[in-house]
């Protein structure tokens, strides 16, 4: 297991509709940030897609990653066959061994049957390319995903295990891990707290620096090891919005540094 960062470590710094930094973090900046933090994996997601780079920019990124001893992972969204084939080719080009995707597209969650059919269509190309495809858990029940992976029986298809996403269903982290540990190709380390709102009529979910919230990291790592899984661990953060975007970006960076320091107690690589 190697420790890494990704584009969802720095969502505020990269920017998104409604939050546009004066100087957005770009792909090369993210590689440099990994080198600065001393981590050796960077996962690019659809908020900073590698296929938006020119050929020259991509070659420069690959060269810089090699200089920094950083492994690149590719992230995307959706399950459409032609799109996944293009992303697999991109992964091959940058030397990635893993392609992460989120089944949901344009706010729609496909049925488990639709997901299985899409995976069956892409498995031969994955096996030929020697790339692993890791679906991120979220709005599909973990038990359904586990049963589908078991039926597929492909070593090239598994899960990106996220510690918070499934609260949307809702499913707790322990339930998700117990179902999906053995199929985990990638581990998104995202800490959080669930707390009562002041009027006591409901709860809020907020991000925290890694190992400072309610995520039981030692237990999760133990379950992954028991299941024989050895995924890279990619830090993701949910820092709350501050009064000004610059302050939010500064908080995000502070949380990233603090989180990596905390995680090294458990994941030295």
C-alpha atoms as a PDB file:
ATOM      1  CA  UNK A   1       0.000   0.000   0.000  1.00  0.00           C
ATOM      2  CA  UNK A   2       1.302   3.415  -0.997  1.00  0.00           C
ATOM      3  CA  UNK A   3       0.046   6.761   0.228  1.00  0.00           C
ATOM      4  CA  UNK A   4      -1.060   9.324  -2.331  1.00  0.00           C
ATOM      5  CA  UNK A   5      -3.081  12.424  -3.110  1.00  0.00           C
ATOM      6  CA  UNK A   6      -5.588  13.185  -5.834  1.00  0.00           C
ATOM      7  CA  UNK A   7      -7.583  15.903  -7.454  1.00  0.00           C
ATOM      8  CA  UNK A   8     -10.216  15.533  -4.716  1.00  0.00           C
ATOM      9  CA  UNK A   9      -7.596  16.340  -2.104  1.00  0.00           C
ATOM     10  CA  UNK A  10      -7.547  19.828  -3.622  1.00  0.00           C
ATOM     11  CA  UNK A  11     -11.035  20.517  -4.990  1.00  0.00           C
ATOM     12  CA  UNK A  12     -11.064  24.143  -3.815  1.00  0.00           C
ATOM     13  CA  UNK A  13      -7.560  24.771  -5.179  1.00  0.00           C
ATOM     14  CA  UNK A  14      -8.469  23.307  -8.584  1.00  0.00           C
ATOM     15  CA  UNK A  15     -11.807  25.068  -8.649  1.00  0.00           C
ATOM     16  CA  UNK A  16     -15.320  24.198  -9.785  1.00  0.00           C
ATOM     17  CA  UNK A  17     -18.448  26.127 -10.820  1.00  0.00           C
ATOM     18  CA  UNK A  18     -19.048  28.671  -8.079  1.00  0.00           C
ATOM     19  CA  UNK A  19     -15.452  28.553  -6.799  1.00  0.00           C
ATOM     20  CA  UNK A  20     -12.860  29.866  -9.241  1.00  0.00           C
ATOM     21  CA  UNK A  21      -9.368  30.533  -7.831  1.00  0.00           C
ATOM     22  CA  UNK A  22      -7.252  33.284  -9.374  1.00  0.00           C
ATOM     23  CA  UNK A  23      -4.550  30.707 -10.137  1.00  0.00           C
ATOM     24  CA  UNK A  24      -6.158  27.252 -10.232  1.00  0.00           C
ATOM     25  CA  UNK A  25      -4.002  24.255  -9.420  1.00  0.00           C
ATOM     26  CA  UNK A  26      -3.147  22.372 -12.618  1.00  0.00           C
ATOM     27  CA  UNK A  27      -1.931  18.831 -13.289  1.00  0.00           C
ATOM     28  CA  UNK A  28       1.758  19.733 -13.058  1.00  0.00           C
ATOM     29  CA  UNK A  29       1.154  21.577  -9.777  1.00  0.00           C
ATOM     30  CA  UNK A  30      -0.438  18.425  -8.360  1.00  0.00           C
ATOM     31  CA  UNK A  31       2.609  16.309  -9.214  1.00  0.00           C
ATOM     32  CA  UNK A  32       4.827  18.931  -7.566  1.00  0.00           C
ATOM     33  CA  UNK A  33       2.557  18.918  -4.508  1.00  0.00           C
ATOM     34  CA  UNK A  34       2.931  15.140  -4.225  1.00  0.00           C
ATOM     35  CA  UNK A  35       6.712  15.507  -4.358  1.00  0.00           C
ATOM     36  CA  UNK A  36       6.577  18.246  -1.718  1.00  0.00           C
ATOM     37  CA  UNK A  37       4.482  16.028   0.577  1.00  0.00           C
ATOM     38  CA  UNK A  38       6.697  13.004  -0.052  1.00  0.00           C
ATOM     39  CA  UNK A  39       3.959  10.765  -1.463  1.00  0.00           C
ATOM     40  CA  UNK A  40       4.319   8.612  -4.552  1.00  0.00           C
ATOM     41  CA  UNK A  41       0.829   8.298  -6.073  1.00  0.00           C
ATOM     42  CA  UNK A  42      -1.376  10.930  -7.721  1.00  0.00           C
ATOM     43  CA  UNK A  43      -4.904  10.077  -8.832  1.00  0.00           C
ATOM     44  CA  UNK A  44      -6.436  12.396 -11.422  1.00  0.00           C
ATOM     45  CA  UNK A  45     -10.226  12.616 -11.469  1.00  0.00           C
ATOM     46  CA  UNK A  46     -12.836  14.198 -13.733  1.00  0.00           C
ATOM     47  CA  UNK A  47     -12.392  17.561 -11.970  1.00  0.00           C
ATOM     48  CA  UNK A  48      -8.910  17.755 -13.578  1.00  0.00           C
ATOM     49  CA  UNK A  49      -9.066  15.223 -16.430  1.00  0.00           C
ATOM     50  CA  UNK A  50      -5.878  14.166 -18.160  1.00  0.00           C
ATOM     51  CA  UNK A  51      -7.631  13.931 -21.513  1.00  0.00           C
ATOM     52  CA  UNK A  52      -8.030  17.711 -21.431  1.00  0.00           C
ATOM     53  CA  UNK A  53      -4.251  18.112 -21.793  1.00  0.00           C
ATOM     54  CA  UNK A  54      -2.487  18.550 -25.109  1.00  0.00           C
ATOM     55  CA  UNK A  55      -0.062  15.843 -26.244  1.00  0.00           C
ATOM     56  CA  UNK A  56       2.874  18.039 -25.267  1.00  0.00           C
ATOM     57  CA  UNK A  57       1.415  18.801 -21.837  1.00  0.00           C
ATOM     58  CA  UNK A  58       0.748  15.121 -21.243  1.00  0.00           C
ATOM     59  CA  UNK A  59       4.306  14.153 -22.197  1.00  0.00           C
ATOM     60  CA  UNK A  60       5.671  16.831 -19.871  1.00  0.00           C
ATOM     61  CA  UNK A  61       3.450  15.545 -17.061  1.00  0.00           C
ATOM     62  CA  UNK A  62       4.622  11.968 -17.573  1.00  0.00           C
ATOM     63  CA  UNK A  63       8.238  13.102 -17.541  1.00  0.00           C
ATOM     64  CA  UNK A  64       7.750  15.155 -14.380  1.00  0.00           C
ATOM     65  CA  UNK A  65       5.994  12.260 -12.624  1.00  0.00           C
ATOM     66  CA  UNK A  66       8.902   9.955 -13.432  1.00  0.00           C
ATOM     67  CA  UNK A  67      11.388  12.502 -12.107  1.00  0.00           C
ATOM     68  CA  UNK A  68       9.426  12.687  -8.847  1.00  0.00           C
ATOM     69  CA  UNK A  69       8.924   8.886  -8.643  1.00  0.00           C
ATOM     70  CA  UNK A  70       5.159   9.459  -8.692  1.00  0.00           C
ATOM     71  CA  UNK A  71       2.758   6.805  -9.968  1.00  0.00           C
ATOM     72  CA  UNK A  72      -0.226   8.181 -11.877  1.00  0.00           C
ATOM     73  CA  UNK A  73      -3.748   6.792 -11.570  1.00  0.00           C
ATOM     74  CA  UNK A  74      -6.555   7.856 -13.886  1.00  0.00           C
ATOM     75  CA  UNK A  75     -10.077   8.712 -12.754  1.00  0.00           C
ATOM     76  CA  UNK A  76     -13.231   9.261 -14.755  1.00  0.00           C
ATOM     77  CA  UNK A  77     -17.012   9.045 -14.549  1.00  0.00           C
ATOM     78  CA  UNK A  78     -19.502   6.756 -16.306  1.00  0.00           C
ATOM     79  CA  UNK A  79     -19.547   3.255 -17.790  1.00  0.00           C
ATOM     80  CA  UNK A  80     -20.072   3.831 -21.511  1.00  0.00           C
ATOM     81  CA  UNK A  81     -17.907   1.332 -23.389  1.00  0.00           C
ATOM     82  CA  UNK A  82     -16.216   3.642 -25.881  1.00  0.00           C
ATOM     83  CA  UNK A  83     -15.460   6.159 -23.147  1.00  0.00           C
ATOM     84  CA  UNK A  84     -13.922   3.511 -20.908  1.00  0.00           C
ATOM     85  CA  UNK A  85     -11.843   2.162 -23.794  1.00  0.00           C
ATOM     86  CA  UNK A  86     -10.460   5.652 -24.394  1.00  0.00           C
ATOM     87  CA  UNK A  87      -9.690   6.038 -20.698  1.00  0.00           C
ATOM     88  CA  UNK A  88      -7.946   2.659 -20.614  1.00  0.00           C
ATOM     89  CA  UNK A  89      -5.745   3.739 -23.521  1.00  0.00           C
ATOM     90  CA  UNK A  90      -4.985   6.958 -21.652  1.00  0.00           C
ATOM     91  CA  UNK A  91      -4.090   4.943 -18.551  1.00  0.00           C
ATOM     92  CA  UNK A  92      -1.705   2.820 -20.608  1.00  0.00           C
ATOM     93  CA  UNK A  93      -0.089   5.935 -22.039  1.00  0.00           C
ATOM     94  CA  UNK A  94       0.654   7.475 -18.636  1.00  0.00           C
ATOM     95  CA  UNK A  95       1.773   4.162 -17.130  1.00  0.00           C
ATOM     96  CA  UNK A  96      -1.235   3.821 -14.840  1.00  0.00           C
ATOM     97  CA  UNK A  97      -2.292   0.423 -13.588  1.00  0.00           C
ATOM     98  CA  UNK A  98      -5.661   1.585 -12.276  1.00  0.00           C
ATOM     99  CA  UNK A  99      -8.663   3.361 -13.761  1.00  0.00           C
ATOM    100  CA  UNK A 100     -11.236   4.604 -11.248  1.00  0.00           C
ATOM    101  CA  UNK A 101     -14.772   5.451 -12.279  1.00  0.00           C
ATOM    102  CA  UNK A 102     -18.022   6.513 -10.661  1.00  0.00           C
ATOM    103  CA  UNK A 103     -21.080   4.708 -12.103  1.00  0.00           C
ATOM    104  CA  UNK A 104     -23.328   7.759 -11.660  1.00  0.00           C
ATOM    105  CA  UNK A 105     -23.474  10.081 -14.645  1.00  0.00           C
ATOM    106  CA  UNK A 106     -25.478  13.332 -14.965  1.00  0.00           C
ATOM    107  CA  UNK A 107     -27.117  12.604 -11.617  1.00  0.00           C
ATOM    108  CA  UNK A 108     -28.434   9.202 -12.719  1.00  0.00           C
ATOM    109  CA  UNK A 109     -27.484   5.962 -10.985  1.00  0.00           C
ATOM    110  CA  UNK A 110     -27.582   2.886 -13.253  1.00  0.00           C
ATOM    111  CA  UNK A 111     -29.194  -0.312 -12.029  1.00  0.00           C
ATOM    112  CA  UNK A 112     -26.981  -3.154 -10.878  1.00  0.00           C
ATOM    113  CA  UNK A 113     -27.945  -5.028 -14.064  1.00  0.00           C
ATOM    114  CA  UNK A 114     -26.848  -2.102 -16.226  1.00  0.00           C
ATOM    115  CA  UNK A 115     -23.574  -1.863 -14.325  1.00  0.00           C
ATOM    116  CA  UNK A 116     -22.900  -5.567 -14.743  1.00  0.00           C
ATOM    117  CA  UNK A 117     -23.643  -5.450 -18.490  1.00  0.00           C
ATOM    118  CA  UNK A 118     -21.269  -2.489 -18.921  1.00  0.00           C
ATOM    119  CA  UNK A 119     -18.507  -4.281 -17.026  1.00  0.00           C
ATOM    120  CA  UNK A 120     -18.957  -7.500 -18.986  1.00  0.00           C
ATOM    121  CA  UNK A 121     -18.519  -5.474 -22.177  1.00  0.00           C
ATOM    122  CA  UNK A 122     -15.253  -3.879 -21.037  1.00  0.00           C
ATOM    123  CA  UNK A 123     -13.609  -6.818 -19.193  1.00  0.00           C
ATOM    124  CA  UNK A 124     -11.917  -8.291 -22.309  1.00  0.00           C
ATOM    125  CA  UNK A 125     -10.291  -4.931 -23.100  1.00  0.00           C
ATOM    126  CA  UNK A 126      -9.204  -4.509 -19.472  1.00  0.00           C
ATOM    127  CA  UNK A 127      -7.613  -7.951 -19.432  1.00  0.00           C
ATOM    128  CA  UNK A 128      -5.899  -7.340 -22.758  1.00  0.00           C
ATOM    129  CA  UNK A 129      -4.576  -3.969 -21.527  1.00  0.00           C
ATOM    130  CA  UNK A 130      -3.666  -5.259 -18.017  1.00  0.00           C
ATOM    131  CA  UNK A 131      -5.522  -2.362 -16.410  1.00  0.00           C
ATOM    132  CA  UNK A 132      -7.730  -2.673 -13.319  1.00  0.00           C
ATOM    133  CA  UNK A 133     -11.064  -0.846 -13.258  1.00  0.00           C
ATOM    134  CA  UNK A 134     -12.228   0.256  -9.805  1.00  0.00           C
ATOM    135  CA  UNK A 135     -15.848   1.400  -9.355  1.00  0.00           C
ATOM    136  CA  UNK A 136     -16.337   3.849  -6.510  1.00  0.00           C
ATOM    137  CA  UNK A 137     -19.048   2.962  -4.015  1.00  0.00           C
ATOM    138  CA  UNK A 138     -21.772   5.525  -3.543  1.00  0.00           C
ATOM    139  CA  UNK A 139     -25.454   5.150  -4.369  1.00  0.00           C
ATOM    140  CA  UNK A 140     -25.316   1.425  -5.165  1.00  0.00           C
ATOM    141  CA  UNK A 141     -25.659  -0.802  -2.073  1.00  0.00           C
ATOM    142  CA  UNK A 142     -22.353  -2.398  -1.107  1.00  0.00           C
ATOM    143  CA  UNK A 143     -23.907  -5.865  -0.876  1.00  0.00           C
ATOM    144  CA  UNK A 144     -25.186  -5.600  -4.446  1.00  0.00           C
ATOM    145  CA  UNK A 145     -21.759  -4.506  -5.669  1.00  0.00           C
ATOM    146  CA  UNK A 146     -20.060  -7.381  -3.849  1.00  0.00           C
ATOM    147  CA  UNK A 147     -22.461  -9.953  -5.309  1.00  0.00           C
ATOM    148  CA  UNK A 148     -21.921  -8.527  -8.784  1.00  0.00           C
ATOM    149  CA  UNK A 149     -18.108  -8.654  -8.469  1.00  0.00           C
ATOM    150  CA  UNK A 150     -18.391 -12.253  -7.296  1.00  0.00           C
ATOM    151  CA  UNK A 151     -20.503 -13.207 -10.311  1.00  0.00           C
ATOM    152  CA  UNK A 152     -18.211 -11.391 -12.732  1.00  0.00           C
ATOM    153  CA  UNK A 153     -15.191 -13.242 -11.391  1.00  0.00           C
ATOM    154  CA  UNK A 154     -12.670 -10.945 -13.113  1.00  0.00           C
ATOM    155  CA  UNK A 155      -9.422  -9.936 -11.448  1.00  0.00           C
ATOM    156  CA  UNK A 156      -9.536  -6.724 -13.484  1.00  0.00           C
ATOM    157  CA  UNK A 157     -12.721  -5.332 -11.918  1.00  0.00           C
ATOM    158  CA  UNK A 158     -13.118  -4.212  -8.320  1.00  0.00           C
ATOM    159  CA  UNK A 159     -13.941  -1.247  -6.144  1.00  0.00           C
ATOM    160  CA  UNK A 160     -12.626   2.113  -5.065  1.00  0.00           C
ATOM    161  CA  UNK A 161     -13.513   1.997  -1.386  1.00  0.00           C
ATOM    162  CA  UNK A 162     -14.651   5.424  -0.149  1.00  0.00           C
ATOM    163  CA  UNK A 163     -15.235   5.904   3.566  1.00  0.00           C
ATOM    164  CA  UNK A 164     -18.081   8.446   3.321  1.00  0.00           C
ATOM    165  CA  UNK A 165     -19.912   8.245  -0.029  1.00  0.00           C
ATOM    166  CA  UNK A 166     -22.311   5.496   0.984  1.00  0.00           C
ATOM    167  CA  UNK A 167     -23.824   7.607   3.757  1.00  0.00           C
ATOM    168  CA  UNK A 168     -25.994   8.961   0.939  1.00  0.00           C
ATOM    169  CA  UNK A 169     -27.903   5.648   0.675  1.00  0.00           C
ATOM    170  CA  UNK A 170     -27.457   5.450   3.773  1.00  0.00           C
ATOM    171  CA  UNK A 171     -24.899   2.745   4.601  1.00  0.00           C
ATOM    172  CA  UNK A 172     -22.274   3.026   7.338  1.00  0.00           C
ATOM    173  CA  UNK A 173     -18.537   2.650   6.738  1.00  0.00           C
ATOM    174  CA  UNK A 174     -18.288  -0.662   8.576  1.00  0.00           C
ATOM    175  CA  UNK A 175     -21.070  -2.224   6.512  1.00  0.00           C
ATOM    176  CA  UNK A 176     -19.427  -1.030   3.292  1.00  0.00           C
ATOM    177  CA  UNK A 177     -15.969  -2.264   4.277  1.00  0.00           C
ATOM    178  CA  UNK A 178     -17.229  -5.686   5.363  1.00  0.00           C
ATOM    179  CA  UNK A 179     -18.893  -6.204   1.982  1.00  0.00           C
ATOM    180  CA  UNK A 180     -16.205  -4.722  -0.255  1.00  0.00           C
ATOM    181  CA  UNK A 181     -12.806  -5.195   1.416  1.00  0.00           C
ATOM    182  CA  UNK A 182     -11.882  -8.259  -0.668  1.00  0.00           C
ATOM    183  CA  UNK A 183     -12.670  -6.422  -3.921  1.00  0.00           C
ATOM    184  CA  UNK A 184     -10.797  -3.214  -3.065  1.00  0.00           C
ATOM    185  CA  UNK A 185      -8.305  -1.959  -5.650  1.00  0.00           C
ATOM    186  CA  UNK A 186      -8.171   1.636  -4.367  1.00  0.00           C
ATOM    187  CA  UNK A 187      -8.836   3.165  -0.943  1.00  0.00           C
ATOM    188  CA  UNK A 188     -10.124   6.756  -0.695  1.00  0.00           C
ATOM    189  CA  UNK A 189      -9.197   7.983   2.770  1.00  0.00           C
ATOM    190  CA  UNK A 190     -11.813  10.602   3.620  1.00  0.00           C
ATOM    191  CA  UNK A 191     -12.411  11.414   7.282  1.00  0.00           C
ATOM    192  CA  UNK A 192     -15.616  12.933   8.602  1.00  0.00           C
ATOM    193  CA  UNK A 193     -17.855  13.628  11.580  1.00  0.00           C
ATOM    194  CA  UNK A 194     -21.608  13.180  11.814  1.00  0.00           C
ATOM    195  CA  UNK A 195     -23.083  15.520  14.410  1.00  0.00           C
ATOM    196  CA  UNK A 196     -26.415  16.883  15.550  1.00  0.00           C
ATOM    197  CA  UNK A 197     -27.400  20.303  14.265  1.00  0.00           C
ATOM    198  CA  UNK A 198     -28.052  22.887  16.976  1.00  0.00           C
ATOM    199  CA  UNK A 199     -31.841  22.474  16.975  1.00  0.00           C
ATOM    200  CA  UNK A 200     -31.478  18.681  17.368  1.00  0.00           C
ATOM    201  CA  UNK A 201     -33.705  17.963  14.364  1.00  0.00           C
ATOM    202  CA  UNK A 202     -31.253  16.258  12.077  1.00  0.00           C
ATOM    203  CA  UNK A 203     -27.558  15.728  11.501  1.00  0.00           C
ATOM    204  CA  UNK A 204     -24.763  17.262   9.438  1.00  0.00           C
ATOM    205  CA  UNK A 205     -21.783  15.482   7.862  1.00  0.00           C
ATOM    206  CA  UNK A 206     -18.556  17.455   7.806  1.00  0.00           C
ATOM    207  CA  UNK A 207     -15.047  16.694   6.664  1.00  0.00           C
ATOM    208  CA  UNK A 208     -12.035  16.462   8.960  1.00  0.00           C
ATOM    209  CA  UNK A 209      -8.289  15.982   8.472  1.00  0.00           C
ATOM    210  CA  UNK A 210      -7.481  12.285   8.170  1.00  0.00           C
ATOM    211  CA  UNK A 211      -7.467  10.415  11.501  1.00  0.00           C
ATOM    212  CA  UNK A 212      -9.156  13.321  13.310  1.00  0.00           C
ATOM    213  CA  UNK A 213     -12.775  12.370  12.695  1.00  0.00           C
ATOM    214  CA  UNK A 214     -14.956   9.276  13.062  1.00  0.00           C
ATOM    215  CA  UNK A 215     -13.245   7.137  10.425  1.00  0.00           C
ATOM    216  CA  UNK A 216     -11.722   4.114  12.196  1.00  0.00           C
ATOM    217  CA  UNK A 217      -8.609   3.846  10.050  1.00  0.00           C
ATOM    218  CA  UNK A 218      -6.828   1.073  12.005  1.00  0.00           C
ATOM    219  CA  UNK A 219      -9.946  -1.110  11.758  1.00  0.00           C
ATOM    220  CA  UNK A 220     -10.367  -0.444   8.020  1.00  0.00           C
ATOM    221  CA  UNK A 221      -6.705  -1.227   7.298  1.00  0.00           C
ATOM    222  CA  UNK A 222      -7.009  -4.404   9.365  1.00  0.00           C
ATOM    223  CA  UNK A 223     -10.069  -5.519   7.395  1.00  0.00           C
ATOM    224  CA  UNK A 224      -8.315  -4.824   4.077  1.00  0.00           C
ATOM    225  CA  UNK A 225      -5.301  -6.860   5.167  1.00  0.00           C
ATOM    226  CA  UNK A 226      -7.494  -9.750   6.367  1.00  0.00           C
ATOM    227  CA  UNK A 227      -9.203  -9.744   2.977  1.00  0.00           C
ATOM    228  CA  UNK A 228      -5.861  -9.853   1.161  1.00  0.00           C
ATOM    229  CA  UNK A 229      -6.327  -6.401  -0.386  1.00  0.00           C
ATOM    230  CA  UNK A 230      -3.353  -4.089  -0.902  1.00  0.00           C
ATOM    231  CA  UNK A 231      -4.725  -0.879  -2.491  1.00  0.00           C
ATOM    232  CA  UNK A 232      -3.042   2.482  -2.708  1.00  0.00           C
ATOM    233  CA  UNK A 233      -4.505   4.917  -0.180  1.00  0.00           C
ATOM    234  CA  UNK A 234      -5.544   8.234  -1.754  1.00  0.00           C
ATOM    235  CA  UNK A 235      -6.307  11.136   0.569  1.00  0.00           C
ATOM    236  CA  UNK A 236      -9.551  12.999  -0.128  1.00  0.00           C
ATOM    237  CA  UNK A 237     -10.775  16.021   1.832  1.00  0.00           C
ATOM    238  CA  UNK A 238     -14.012  17.880   2.530  1.00  0.00           C
ATOM    239  CA  UNK A 239     -12.784  21.157   4.065  1.00  0.00           C
ATOM    240  CA  UNK A 240     -15.667  23.532   4.843  1.00  0.00           C
ATOM    241  CA  UNK A 241     -16.030  26.784   2.956  1.00  0.00           C
ATOM    242  CA  UNK A 242     -14.530  29.798   4.716  1.00  0.00           C
ATOM    243  CA  UNK A 243     -15.449  33.477   4.399  1.00  0.00           C
ATOM    244  CA  UNK A 244     -13.138  33.891   1.393  1.00  0.00           C
ATOM    245  CA  UNK A 245     -11.933  31.415  -1.226  1.00  0.00           C
ATOM    246  CA  UNK A 246      -8.276  32.115  -0.428  1.00  0.00           C
ATOM    247  CA  UNK A 247      -8.922  31.173   3.190  1.00  0.00           C
ATOM    248  CA  UNK A 248     -10.683  27.971   2.124  1.00  0.00           C
ATOM    249  CA  UNK A 249      -7.737  27.049  -0.112  1.00  0.00           C
ATOM    250  CA  UNK A 250      -5.311  27.758   2.733  1.00  0.00           C
ATOM    251  CA  UNK A 251      -7.352  25.510   5.048  1.00  0.00           C
ATOM    252  CA  UNK A 252      -7.407  22.773   2.404  1.00  0.00           C
ATOM    253  CA  UNK A 253      -3.626  22.877   2.089  1.00  0.00           C
ATOM    254  CA  UNK A 254      -3.180  22.823   5.872  1.00  0.00           C
ATOM    255  CA  UNK A 255      -5.530  19.830   6.148  1.00  0.00           C
ATOM    256  CA  UNK A 256      -3.630  18.003   3.398  1.00  0.00           C
ATOM    257  CA  UNK A 257      -0.310  18.438   5.189  1.00  0.00           C
ATOM    258  CA  UNK A 258      -1.794  17.494   8.548  1.00  0.00           C
ATOM    259  CA  UNK A 259      -3.558  14.475   7.060  1.00  0.00           C
ATOM    260  CA  UNK A 260      -0.459  13.094   5.344  1.00  0.00           C
ATOM    261  CA  UNK A 261       1.490  13.483   8.579  1.00  0.00           C
ATOM    262  CA  UNK A 262      -1.234  11.639  10.494  1.00  0.00           C
ATOM    263  CA  UNK A 263      -1.540   8.874   7.898  1.00  0.00           C
ATOM    264  CA  UNK A 264       2.167   8.086   7.989  1.00  0.00           C
ATOM    265  CA  UNK A 265       1.588   6.498  11.388  1.00  0.00           C
ATOM    266  CA  UNK A 266      -0.308   3.760   9.575  1.00  0.00           C
ATOM    267  CA  UNK A 267       0.851   3.922   5.941  1.00  0.00           C
ATOM    268  CA  UNK A 268       4.585   4.686   5.787  1.00  0.00           C
ATOM    269  CA  UNK A 269       4.933   4.099   2.038  1.00  0.00           C
END
